[in-house]
């Protein structure tokens, strides 16, 4: 029987497009242990292991610790995977803040796109 932790781990691994073997290499947690967690055969998992898995999957460790914690992928399941990956990426915060600032300033997506195109063209010269 799969646990909430197991389901969360498997879902996040799939979102990151990783096999259990790849996650094992990234996290330092054995493939067999990852599969035991995912299938619910191992319910008690140490904070150290959870931290390693969270770091490898680029999520906050509390996502695994809090039963009702959810990710944008669960709240917004129809979002394109490349956008979701960008949102979940640790280095995306400055870009997300710029997008928020543009929206709050009333700048339309079309105008923002034109400004970015102008900047890109200027950088090419």
Protein backbone atom coordinates (compact mmCIF):
# COMPACT_ATOMS: atom_id res chain seq x y z
CA UNK A 1 0.00 0.00 0.00
CA UNK A 2 1.47 3.35 -1.03
CA UNK A 3 1.78 6.05 1.62
CA UNK A 4 1.42 9.80 1.13
CA UNK A 5 5.20 10.08 1.36
CA UNK A 6 5.64 7.34 -1.21
CA UNK A 7 3.15 8.95 -3.57
CA UNK A 8 4.75 12.37 -3.19
CA UNK A 9 8.21 10.97 -3.80
CA UNK A 10 7.15 9.04 -6.90
CA UNK A 11 5.18 11.99 -8.31
CA UNK A 12 8.06 14.41 -7.82
CA UNK A 13 10.51 11.94 -9.34
CA UNK A 14 8.24 11.62 -12.39
CA UNK A 15 7.84 15.40 -12.64
CA UNK A 16 11.62 15.70 -12.71
CA UNK A 17 11.68 12.93 -15.32
CA UNK A 18 14.04 10.79 -13.27
CA UNK A 19 14.28 7.05 -12.87
CA UNK A 20 14.78 5.64 -9.38
CA UNK A 21 18.37 4.90 -10.40
CA UNK A 22 18.97 8.52 -11.47
CA UNK A 23 17.45 9.84 -8.25
CA UNK A 24 19.66 7.44 -6.34
CA UNK A 25 22.78 8.85 -8.00
CA UNK A 26 21.67 12.45 -7.38
CA UNK A 27 20.68 11.91 -3.76
CA UNK A 28 23.03 9.24 -2.50
CA UNK A 29 20.02 7.19 -1.35
CA UNK A 30 19.95 3.65 -2.71
CA UNK A 31 17.56 2.78 -5.52
CA UNK A 32 16.07 -0.05 -3.49
CA UNK A 33 15.40 2.26 -0.53
CA UNK A 34 13.73 4.82 -2.81
CA UNK A 35 11.49 2.08 -4.21
CA UNK A 36 10.66 0.85 -0.69
CA UNK A 37 9.51 4.38 0.21
CA UNK A 38 7.54 4.79 -3.01
CA UNK A 39 5.70 1.49 -2.57
CA UNK A 40 4.92 2.19 1.09
CA UNK A 41 7.05 -0.67 2.39
CA UNK A 42 9.18 1.82 4.30
CA UNK A 43 7.08 4.39 6.15
CA UNK A 44 9.55 5.72 8.71
CA UNK A 45 12.24 7.68 6.89
CA UNK A 46 14.97 9.68 8.61
CA UNK A 47 15.26 13.43 8.26
CA UNK A 48 18.69 12.91 6.71
CA UNK A 49 17.27 10.74 3.91
CA UNK A 50 14.31 13.09 3.36
CA UNK A 51 16.72 16.04 3.12
CA UNK A 52 18.86 14.23 0.55
CA UNK A 53 15.83 13.35 -1.57
CA UNK A 54 14.38 16.86 -1.29
CA UNK A 55 17.68 18.45 -2.32
CA UNK A 56 18.05 16.12 -5.30
CA UNK A 57 14.46 16.83 -6.38
CA UNK A 58 14.81 20.58 -5.72
CA UNK A 59 11.89 20.83 -3.30
CA UNK A 60 11.62 21.95 0.30
CA UNK A 61 11.95 19.02 2.69
CA UNK A 62 8.65 20.05 4.31
CA UNK A 63 6.87 18.91 1.15
CA UNK A 64 7.64 15.37 2.28
CA UNK A 65 7.12 15.97 6.01
CA UNK A 66 3.72 17.69 5.93
CA UNK A 67 0.91 15.39 4.81
CA UNK A 68 -1.25 18.08 3.22
CA UNK A 69 1.62 20.04 1.66
CA UNK A 70 1.18 20.33 -2.07
CA UNK A 71 3.18 21.54 -5.00
CA UNK A 72 2.01 23.71 -7.86
CA UNK A 73 1.97 20.57 -10.00
CA UNK A 74 -0.75 19.14 -7.81
CA UNK A 75 -2.71 22.38 -7.59
CA UNK A 76 -2.32 23.22 -11.29
CA UNK A 77 -2.05 19.83 -13.02
CA UNK A 78 -2.65 21.21 -16.53
CA UNK A 79 0.36 23.52 -16.49
CA UNK A 80 2.91 22.64 -19.21
CA UNK A 81 5.81 20.65 -17.73
CA UNK A 82 8.48 23.07 -18.97
CA UNK A 83 6.72 25.97 -17.20
CA UNK A 84 6.31 23.93 -14.02
CA UNK A 85 9.98 22.96 -14.11
CA UNK A 86 10.94 26.61 -14.49
CA UNK A 87 8.72 27.61 -11.56
CA UNK A 88 10.20 24.91 -9.35
CA UNK A 89 13.78 25.72 -10.34
CA UNK A 90 15.78 27.33 -7.54
CA UNK A 91 17.30 30.00 -9.79
CA UNK A 92 13.98 31.20 -11.25
CA UNK A 93 12.93 33.50 -8.42
CA UNK A 94 14.36 36.72 -9.96
CA UNK A 95 12.48 36.00 -13.20
CA UNK A 96 9.25 35.26 -11.38
CA UNK A 97 9.57 38.51 -9.43
CA UNK A 98 10.12 40.45 -12.66
CA UNK A 99 7.02 38.86 -14.14
CA UNK A 100 5.03 39.76 -11.04
CA UNK A 101 6.32 43.34 -11.17
CA UNK A 102 5.35 43.65 -14.84
CA UNK A 103 1.85 42.36 -14.12
CA UNK A 104 1.39 44.63 -11.10
CA UNK A 105 2.54 47.58 -13.23
CA UNK A 106 -0.11 46.81 -15.84
CA UNK A 107 2.35 45.74 -18.52
CA UNK A 108 0.62 43.32 -20.86
CA UNK A 109 2.27 40.02 -21.83
CA UNK A 110 2.43 41.28 -25.42
CA UNK A 111 4.28 44.46 -24.40
CA UNK A 112 6.64 42.52 -22.16
CA UNK A 113 7.37 40.12 -25.01
CA UNK A 114 8.19 43.06 -27.33
CA UNK A 115 10.52 44.58 -24.74
CA UNK A 116 12.32 41.26 -24.32
CA UNK A 117 12.65 40.90 -28.11
CA UNK A 118 14.16 44.40 -28.30
CA UNK A 119 16.64 43.52 -25.54
CA UNK A 120 17.59 40.27 -27.25
CA UNK A 121 18.11 42.05 -30.57
CA UNK A 122 20.26 44.67 -28.82
CA UNK A 123 22.42 42.00 -27.22
CA UNK A 124 23.03 40.34 -30.59
CA UNK A 125 24.56 43.50 -32.04
